[in-house]
Amino acid sequence: AAGQETPGIVVQMRRGGFLTGTITGYEGGPLAGAEVRTMVQPPNASGNPWQWEWQLRQTAPALTDKEGRFRVEGLTPGPYIVRFEAPGHRVVTKLDVAVPEGADGGPLDVKLEKGLQITGVVVDAAGEPIPDVNLWTNVVATGTGAARGQTSIRNATTDAKGAFLLDQLEPGKYSLSVNADGFANRNLSDVDAGTTDLRIVLEKGLSISGRVLLPDGSPAGNLWVSAQGGNGNSQNDRTGEDGTFTIENLPEGVYTVRTNTGGAFRFGGGKDEGPSLMPAIQEGVPAGTKNLELRLLAGAAIEGRVTDESGNPIPGAMILARSIGEDVTTSGFGRTDENGEFRVTGLEPGRRVAVNVSHGDYGPLPGQEVDSDSTGLSFVLPPKPEQPDVPEVPELPTPR
């Protein structure tokens, strides 16, 4: 209880580590006010920089002093990602920076190279500047850096004259995503870093609006509806309680409009107890269409349980069910709950489905075919195979 002493409990505090270092610029002098951002390194960080790039950008930075020196304190011991940046310079990101307990993980002395830019203006069809346009870059191919986690996601907003500046870029080619309210979104590819006076013309955007209904004709609220065009443009909207939606900022063209089903892909585990529904799909919808009606279809569901070889339930197992046949249109996902039970919805009635069950702590299980309305299914996962010991390679003597 509050205020009551509990004897016999010992709390051991670990001493935090820290990082120090110096940042210099491309001209050789120290950089004052350069930013240093740190975050605990997640698994497989080197293979998937997009996983952590945005999160790292949101962390509060430490700033260098007039001598370019920095110090970051209070770090939990372990591996870190450290990002260094300053205006006009390329960003440097270091992976696997080990921070020991109560000691310095540095010193990290970093020289930032000169960054490249993409500059230009965004205008409408009449040539008038468009302010407050959002621009994003994504790497298409870079000559240096990307494979080592040097991601080059940058964003900018046009000023009152429609001008923009994307800075701190690595050499290479970029794709640009350009978005403005009331205008059709535009994507540009293969834009070279260093490009100046790029002129981007946006056309007025069109919309597709309509209503989504459940199989019984009642409105289907809180569902995502997407429009996918052959030109690579894709936009979406969520239905209101009355089932209505409006997908905006579409270029001219023909789109495939589809809903999701509201079925749960439950990353945290748990059965999908909702109705089994299949998505509504309408092809060949021109931009500008109004009063489009989409009706969800009644779907089938599979139910069962996943255990280990001793009969113990396995929570968090992944269930993938996919229709079998050349005209495959549906698939369902789910995870087992704390009792090892699952229910996967959104399957096509009257079809056979291939079911795959997996869990990272257990061995593989061959896929099985079942009916799309099967219940009482039982899957037993085998133990995870032991990894063979890798023999040590003897050190060869140095030739004399």
Protein backbone atom coordinates (compact mmCIF):
# COMPACT_ATOMS: atom_id res chain seq x y z
CA ALA A 1 0.00 0.00 0.00
CA ALA A 2 1.04 3.62 -0.47
CA GLY A 3 3.41 4.80 2.28
CA GLN A 4 4.08 1.27 3.52
CA GLU A 5 7.66 0.01 3.61
CA THR A 6 8.42 -3.30 1.89
CA PRO A 7 11.64 -4.86 3.15
CA GLY A 8 13.87 -7.13 1.09
CA ILE A 9 13.58 -5.32 -2.26
CA VAL A 10 16.85 -4.19 -3.82
CA VAL A 11 16.81 -1.86 -6.83
CA GLN A 12 20.07 -1.79 -8.77
CA MET A 13 20.56 1.28 -10.93
CA ARG A 14 22.77 1.11 -14.01
CA ARG A 15 25.04 4.01 -14.80
CA GLY A 16 24.15 5.72 -18.05
CA GLY A 17 26.67 6.08 -20.83
CA PHE A 18 27.40 9.13 -22.96
CA LEU A 19 28.77 10.18 -26.34
CA THR A 20 31.24 12.93 -27.16
CA GLY A 21 32.83 14.11 -30.35
CA THR A 22 33.55 16.94 -32.77
CA ILE A 23 31.89 17.92 -36.06
CA THR A 24 33.72 19.78 -38.80
CA GLY A 25 32.33 21.12 -42.08
CA TYR A 26 33.33 20.62 -45.70
CA GLU A 27 35.57 23.71 -45.50
CA GLY A 28 37.52 22.12 -42.66
CA GLY A 29 36.47 24.32 -39.76
CA PRO A 30 34.36 23.36 -36.70
CA LEU A 31 30.58 23.51 -37.14
CA ALA A 32 28.73 25.37 -34.38
CA GLY A 33 25.04 24.54 -33.92
CA ALA A 34 25.22 21.22 -35.78
CA GLU A 35 22.61 18.70 -34.62
CA VAL A 36 23.37 15.29 -33.13
CA ARG A 37 20.42 12.89 -32.75
CA THR A 38 20.54 9.48 -31.08
CA MET A 39 18.19 6.53 -30.69
CA VAL A 40 18.51 2.96 -29.52
CA GLN A 41 19.23 0.83 -32.57
CA PRO A 42 16.35 -1.54 -33.50
CA PRO A 43 16.93 -5.04 -34.92
CA ASN A 44 17.85 -5.24 -38.62
CA ALA A 45 18.45 -1.49 -38.75
CA SER A 46 21.01 -1.74 -41.56
CA GLY A 47 18.61 -3.67 -43.78
CA ASN A 48 15.63 -1.35 -43.33
CA PRO A 49 16.57 2.31 -42.75
CA TRP A 50 13.02 3.45 -43.50
CA GLN A 51 11.96 1.64 -40.32
CA TRP A 52 13.71 4.13 -38.05
CA GLU A 53 14.46 7.18 -40.24
CA TRP A 54 11.31 9.10 -39.31
CA GLN A 55 11.53 8.21 -35.63
CA LEU A 56 15.13 9.41 -35.47
CA ARG A 57 14.17 12.72 -37.09
CA GLN A 58 11.67 13.36 -34.29
CA THR A 59 14.17 13.01 -31.43
CA ALA A 60 15.47 16.14 -29.67
CA PRO A 61 18.99 17.00 -30.88
CA ALA A 62 22.12 17.93 -28.97
CA LEU A 63 23.90 20.95 -30.45
CA THR A 64 27.60 21.50 -31.00
CA ASP A 65 29.36 24.45 -29.37
CA LYS A 66 31.48 27.05 -31.17
CA GLU A 67 34.35 24.55 -31.33
CA GLY A 68 32.10 21.94 -32.97
CA ARG A 69 32.09 19.77 -29.83
CA PHE A 70 29.07 17.87 -28.50
CA ARG A 71 28.17 15.67 -25.55
CA VAL A 72 25.05 13.48 -25.23
CA GLU A 73 24.41 12.11 -21.74
CA GLY A 74 22.01 9.74 -19.98
CA LEU A 75 22.16 6.96 -22.59
CA THR A 76 21.16 3.41 -21.73
CA PRO A 77 24.10 1.08 -22.51
CA GLY A 78 23.77 -0.68 -25.86
CA PRO A 79 23.98 -0.07 -29.64
CA TYR A 80 22.81 3.29 -31.01
CA ILE A 81 22.08 5.03 -34.28
CA VAL A 82 23.65 8.50 -34.33
CA ARG A 83 22.76 11.14 -36.91
CA PHE A 84 24.82 14.28 -37.64
CA GLU A 85 23.49 17.18 -39.70
CA ALA A 86 23.97 20.88 -40.39
CA PRO A 87 22.52 23.26 -43.00
CA GLY A 88 24.28 23.03 -46.35
CA HIS A 89 25.91 19.72 -45.48
CA ARG A 90 25.11 16.09 -46.20
CA VAL A 91 23.63 14.11 -43.36
CA VAL A 92 25.81 11.38 -41.85
CA THR A 93 24.22 8.47 -39.99
CA LYS A 94 26.32 5.98 -38.05
CA LEU A 95 24.99 2.56 -37.04
CA ASP A 96 26.23 0.19 -34.33
CA VAL A 97 27.65 2.91 -32.11
CA ALA A 98 28.29 1.04 -28.86
CA VAL A 99 27.58 2.99 -25.67
CA PRO A 100 29.14 1.30 -22.61
CA GLU A 101 27.84 1.58 -19.07
CA GLY A 102 29.07 4.73 -17.36
CA ALA A 103 31.59 5.53 -20.11
CA ASP A 104 32.02 7.33 -23.43
CA GLY A 105 30.94 5.55 -26.63
CA GLY A 106 33.12 8.02 -28.55
CA PRO A 107 34.82 10.15 -29.27
CA LEU A 108 33.01 10.46 -32.61
CA ASP A 109 34.84 12.88 -34.85
CA VAL A 110 32.81 13.49 -38.01
CA LYS A 111 33.42 15.59 -41.09
CA LEU A 112 30.29 16.57 -43.04
CA GLU A 113 30.59 16.92 -46.81
CA LYS A 114 28.88 19.65 -48.81
CA GLY A 115 25.22 18.82 -49.47
CA LEU A 116 23.52 19.12 -52.83
CA GLN A 117 20.19 20.82 -53.49
CA ILE A 118 17.11 20.61 -55.68
CA THR A 119 15.48 24.00 -56.21
CA GLY A 120 12.54 25.16 -58.27
CA VAL A 121 9.02 26.51 -58.35
CA VAL A 122 5.51 25.00 -58.32
CA VAL A 123 2.83 26.67 -60.47
CA ASP A 124 -0.70 25.96 -61.72
CA ALA A 125 -1.73 25.47 -65.34
CA ALA A 126 -1.96 29.27 -65.80
CA GLY A 127 1.58 29.73 -64.52
CA GLU A 128 0.55 31.22 -61.18
CA PRO A 129 2.68 30.21 -58.18
CA ILE A 130 1.17 27.80 -55.65
CA PRO A 131 2.17 28.43 -52.01
CA ASP A 132 2.17 25.86 -49.20
CA VAL A 133 2.86 22.90 -51.48
CA ASN A 134 4.45 19.92 -49.71
CA LEU A 135 7.36 18.22 -51.46
CA TRP A 136 9.03 14.98 -50.37
CA THR A 137 12.09 13.25 -51.74
CA ASN A 138 12.77 9.53 -51.82
CA VAL A 139 15.94 7.90 -53.03
CA VAL A 140 15.77 6.32 -56.48
CA ALA A 141 19.47 5.49 -56.62
CA THR A 142 22.39 7.16 -54.92
CA GLY A 143 26.04 7.06 -55.76
CA THR A 144 27.02 6.92 -52.11
CA GLY A 145 25.59 6.29 -48.73
CA ALA A 146 22.14 4.70 -49.11
CA ALA A 147 23.34 1.14 -48.60
CA ARG A 148 24.99 2.21 -45.37
CA GLY A 149 21.85 3.72 -43.90
CA GLN A 150 22.46 7.23 -45.33
CA THR A 151 18.80 7.71 -46.15
CA SER A 152 17.85 10.85 -48.04
CA ILE A 153 14.26 11.60 -47.11
CA ARG A 154 13.83 15.38 -47.26
CA ASN A 155 10.80 17.60 -47.28
CA ALA A 156 10.08 21.23 -48.09
CA THR A 157 7.13 23.61 -48.45
CA THR A 158 6.80 26.24 -51.16
CA ASP A 159 6.82 29.92 -50.14
CA ALA A 160 4.43 32.65 -51.27
CA LYS A 161 6.12 32.69 -54.69
CA GLY A 162 5.85 28.92 -55.08
CA ALA A 163 9.60 28.46 -54.64
CA PHE A 164 11.10 25.50 -52.81
CA LEU A 165 14.52 24.26 -51.67
CA LEU A 166 15.38 20.64 -50.86
CA ASP A 167 18.75 20.64 -49.11
CA GLN A 168 21.37 18.30 -47.61
CA LEU A 169 21.11 15.75 -50.43
CA GLU A 170 23.52 12.96 -51.30
CA PRO A 171 24.62 12.69 -54.96
CA GLY A 172 22.21 10.59 -57.01
CA LYS A 173 18.69 10.52 -58.43
CA TYR A 174 15.50 11.18 -56.48
CA SER A 175 11.77 10.81 -56.83
CA LEU A 176 9.68 13.79 -55.76
CA SER A 177 6.15 13.60 -54.37
CA VAL A 178 4.29 16.90 -54.76
CA ASN A 179 1.03 17.45 -52.85
CA ALA A 180 -1.26 20.51 -52.59
CA ASP A 181 -4.89 20.85 -51.56
CA GLY A 182 -7.17 21.21 -54.55
CA PHE A 183 -4.56 19.98 -57.04
CA ALA A 184 -3.78 16.59 -58.46
CA ASN A 185 -0.85 14.97 -56.70
CA ARG A 186 2.18 14.58 -58.89
CA ASN A 187 5.20 12.26 -58.73
CA LEU A 188 8.45 13.00 -60.54
CA SER A 189 11.18 10.42 -60.97
CA ASP A 190 14.91 10.51 -61.72
CA VAL A 191 15.52 14.07 -60.57
CA ASP A 192 19.25 14.61 -60.13
CA ALA A 193 20.55 16.10 -56.89
CA GLY A 194 21.96 19.49 -57.87
CA THR A 195 19.04 20.32 -60.18
CA THR A 196 18.12 24.03 -60.15
CA ASP A 197 15.13 25.99 -61.49
CA LEU A 198 12.92 22.89 -61.69
CA ARG A 199 9.44 23.97 -62.83
CA ILE A 200 6.58 21.76 -61.61
CA VAL A 201 3.09 22.33 -63.02
CA LEU A 202 0.10 21.03 -61.05
CA GLU A 203 -3.32 20.46 -62.60
CA LYS A 204 -6.58 20.98 -60.74
CA GLY A 205 -7.48 17.80 -58.88
CA LEU A 206 -10.58 15.69 -59.45
CA SER A 207 -12.41 13.52 -56.95
CA ILE A 208 -14.33 10.25 -56.69
CA SER A 209 -17.14 10.21 -54.15
CA GLY A 210 -19.77 7.72 -53.12
CA ARG A 211 -21.03 5.46 -50.37
CA VAL A 212 -20.10 2.04 -48.96
CA LEU A 213 -22.84 -0.33 -47.81
CA LEU A 214 -22.86 -3.54 -45.80
CA PRO A 215 -24.42 -6.67 -47.37
CA ASP A 216 -27.78 -5.80 -45.75
CA GLY A 217 -27.75 -2.29 -47.28
CA SER A 218 -26.90 -0.39 -44.10
CA PRO A 219 -24.00 2.13 -44.20
CA ALA A 220 -20.48 0.84 -43.62
CA GLY A 221 -18.66 3.42 -41.53
CA ASN A 222 -15.00 3.76 -40.61
CA LEU A 223 -13.63 1.83 -43.62
CA TRP A 224 -10.79 2.86 -45.89
CA VAL A 225 -11.59 3.34 -49.57
CA SER A 226 -8.72 3.67 -52.06
CA ALA A 227 -8.46 4.71 -55.69
CA GLN A 228 -5.51 3.22 -57.61
CA GLY A 229 -4.69 4.54 -61.08
CA GLY A 230 -2.60 3.00 -63.81
CA ASN A 231 -0.47 6.15 -63.70
CA GLY A 232 0.77 5.14 -60.25
CA ASN A 233 -1.39 7.69 -58.44
CA SER A 234 -3.19 6.42 -55.38
CA GLN A 235 -5.36 8.27 -52.86
CA ASN A 236 -7.74 7.15 -50.13
CA ASP A 237 -10.36 8.31 -47.69
CA ARG A 238 -12.17 6.85 -44.69
CA THR A 239 -15.96 6.51 -44.73
CA GLY A 240 -18.07 8.47 -42.27
CA GLU A 241 -20.75 6.96 -40.10
CA ASP A 242 -23.17 7.28 -43.02
CA GLY A 243 -20.78 5.29 -45.26
CA THR A 244 -19.92 8.25 -47.51
CA PHE A 245 -16.41 9.02 -48.80
CA THR A 246 -14.64 11.51 -51.07
CA ILE A 247 -11.23 10.71 -52.55
CA GLU A 248 -9.62 13.98 -53.63
CA ASN A 249 -6.62 15.37 -55.51
CA LEU A 250 -6.77 12.83 -58.35
CA PRO A 251 -5.32 13.47 -61.82
CA GLU A 252 -7.49 12.71 -64.83
CA GLY A 253 -7.64 9.00 -65.53
CA VAL A 254 -9.43 5.75 -64.78
CA TYR A 255 -9.15 4.14 -61.35
CA THR A 256 -9.81 0.91 -59.50
CA VAL A 257 -11.72 1.75 -56.34
CA ARG A 258 -11.76 -0.75 -53.50
CA THR A 259 -12.58 -0.91 -49.84
CA ASN A 260 -10.96 -2.70 -46.99
CA THR A 261 -13.29 -4.82 -44.89
CA GLY A 262 -12.65 -3.59 -41.39
CA GLY A 263 -11.38 -7.06 -40.53
CA ALA A 264 -8.63 -6.94 -37.94
CA PHE A 265 -5.06 -7.72 -38.79
CA ARG A 266 -4.31 -7.87 -35.10
CA PHE A 267 -0.62 -7.22 -34.57
CA GLY A 268 -1.08 -7.45 -30.81
CA GLY A 269 -2.90 -10.78 -30.98
CA GLY A 270 -6.54 -11.67 -30.60
CA LYS A 271 -9.32 -13.20 -32.65
CA ASP A 272 -11.32 -11.18 -35.15
CA GLU A 273 -14.82 -11.44 -33.66
CA GLY A 274 -16.44 -9.11 -36.20
CA PRO A 275 -18.55 -10.11 -39.20
CA SER A 276 -16.74 -11.79 -42.08
CA LEU A 277 -16.81 -9.38 -45.02
CA MET A 278 -15.16 -9.30 -48.41
CA PRO A 279 -14.00 -6.02 -49.97
CA ALA A 280 -15.98 -4.23 -52.66
CA ILE A 281 -13.97 -3.61 -55.84
CA GLN A 282 -15.03 -1.44 -58.80
CA GLU A 283 -12.76 -1.15 -61.82
CA GLY A 284 -12.80 1.47 -64.56
CA VAL A 285 -13.99 4.40 -62.44
CA PRO A 286 -13.18 7.77 -64.09
CA ALA A 287 -11.87 10.59 -61.92
CA GLY A 288 -14.76 12.98 -61.30
CA THR A 289 -17.30 10.22 -60.61
CA LYS A 290 -19.95 11.00 -58.00
CA ASN A 291 -22.48 8.82 -56.15
CA LEU A 292 -20.48 5.62 -56.62
CA GLU A 293 -22.06 2.80 -54.61
CA LEU A 294 -19.87 0.03 -53.24
CA ARG A 295 -21.43 -2.91 -51.43
CA LEU A 296 -19.40 -5.25 -49.26
CA LEU A 297 -19.94 -8.98 -49.74
CA ALA A 298 -20.56 -11.58 -47.06
CA GLY A 299 -17.42 -13.64 -46.53
CA ALA A 300 -16.42 -16.89 -44.88
CA ALA A 301 -14.08 -17.42 -41.92
CA ILE A 302 -11.81 -20.13 -40.53
CA GLU A 303 -11.40 -20.78 -36.82
CA GLY A 304 -9.04 -22.93 -34.79
CA ARG A 305 -6.20 -23.17 -32.29
CA VAL A 306 -2.40 -23.29 -32.40
CA THR A 307 -0.40 -25.23 -29.80
CA ASP A 308 3.05 -26.65 -29.25
CA GLU A 309 3.77 -30.38 -29.21
CA SER A 310 2.85 -30.55 -25.51
CA GLY A 311 -0.57 -29.06 -26.15
CA ASN A 312 0.25 -25.64 -24.71
CA PRO A 313 -1.38 -22.67 -26.48
CA ILE A 314 0.86 -20.42 -28.58
CA PRO A 315 -0.20 -16.76 -28.44
CA GLY A 316 0.84 -14.41 -31.24
CA ALA A 317 1.18 -17.04 -33.98
CA MET A 318 0.66 -15.61 -37.46
CA ILE A 319 -2.14 -17.08 -39.60
CA LEU A 320 -2.23 -16.46 -43.37
CA ALA A 321 -5.13 -17.86 -45.40
CA ARG A 322 -5.18 -17.42 -49.18
CA SER A 323 -7.72 -18.63 -51.74
CA ILE A 324 -6.47 -21.40 -54.05
CA GLY A 325 -6.88 -21.05 -57.80
CA GLU A 326 -5.86 -18.97 -60.80
CA ASP A 327 -8.52 -16.37 -60.01
CA VAL A 328 -7.29 -15.74 -56.47
CA THR A 329 -8.89 -12.56 -55.14
CA THR A 330 -8.97 -12.86 -51.37
CA SER A 331 -6.67 -13.50 -48.47
CA GLY A 332 -6.99 -13.12 -44.72
CA PHE A 333 -4.58 -12.53 -41.87
CA GLY A 334 -4.74 -12.97 -38.13
CA ARG A 335 -2.89 -13.77 -34.92
CA THR A 336 -3.73 -16.14 -32.12
CA ASP A 337 -4.93 -14.79 -28.77
CA GLU A 338 -3.65 -15.72 -25.30
CA ASN A 339 -5.46 -19.08 -25.60
CA GLY A 340 -3.84 -19.86 -28.95
CA GLU A 341 -7.18 -19.36 -30.70
CA PHE A 342 -7.72 -17.55 -33.99
CA ARG A 343 -10.44 -16.50 -36.39
CA VAL A 344 -9.53 -15.25 -39.86
CA THR A 345 -12.27 -13.44 -41.77
CA GLY A 346 -12.73 -11.98 -45.24
CA LEU A 347 -12.42 -15.29 -47.15
CA GLU A 348 -14.37 -16.18 -50.27
CA PRO A 349 -17.22 -18.64 -49.51
CA GLY A 350 -17.09 -22.04 -51.16
CA ARG A 351 -13.37 -21.98 -51.89
CA ARG A 352 -10.42 -23.97 -50.68
CA VAL A 353 -7.79 -21.92 -48.92
CA ALA A 354 -4.11 -22.54 -48.21
CA VAL A 355 -3.32 -21.85 -44.55
CA ASN A 356 0.18 -21.08 -43.30
CA VAL A 357 0.92 -20.83 -39.58
CA SER A 358 4.18 -19.44 -38.21
CA HIS A 359 5.81 -18.09 -35.07
CA GLY A 360 9.37 -16.83 -34.69
CA ASP A 361 10.02 -19.00 -31.62
CA TYR A 362 8.95 -22.25 -33.29
CA GLY A 363 9.91 -24.35 -36.28
CA PRO A 364 8.23 -24.23 -39.70
CA LEU A 365 4.93 -25.99 -40.39
CA PRO A 366 3.94 -27.11 -43.91
CA GLY A 367 0.93 -25.29 -45.34
CA GLN A 368 -2.44 -27.01 -45.25
CA GLU A 369 -5.52 -26.77 -47.47
CA VAL A 370 -8.92 -26.38 -45.81
CA ASP A 371 -12.41 -25.15 -46.70
CA SER A 372 -12.93 -21.40 -46.28
CA ASP A 373 -15.58 -21.95 -43.60
CA SER A 374 -13.67 -24.53 -41.52
CA THR A 375 -13.95 -24.48 -37.73
CA GLY A 376 -12.17 -26.46 -35.03
CA LEU A 377 -8.86 -26.42 -36.90
CA SER A 378 -5.79 -27.52 -34.95
CA PHE A 379 -2.21 -26.64 -35.81
CA VAL A 380 0.80 -27.95 -33.85
CA LEU A 381 4.07 -26.06 -34.27
CA PRO A 382 7.30 -28.04 -33.81
CA PRO A 383 10.25 -26.77 -31.76
CA LYS A 384 12.62 -24.38 -33.44
CA PRO A 385 15.56 -26.28 -34.97
CA GLU A 386 18.85 -25.80 -33.20
CA GLN A 387 21.42 -23.85 -35.12
CA PRO A 388 24.54 -25.89 -35.88
CA ASP A 389 27.73 -24.74 -34.24
CA VAL A 390 29.98 -22.90 -36.64
CA PRO A 391 33.50 -24.29 -36.33
CA GLU A 392 36.19 -21.77 -35.61
CA VAL A 393 38.55 -21.07 -38.47
CA PRO A 394 42.14 -21.57 -37.30
CA GLU A 395 44.34 -18.54 -37.63
CA LEU A 396 46.91 -19.03 -40.38
CA PRO A 397 50.52 -18.17 -39.63
CA THR A 398 51.77 -14.93 -41.12
CA PRO A 399 54.15 -15.61 -44.06
CA ARG A 400 57.67 -14.61 -43.39
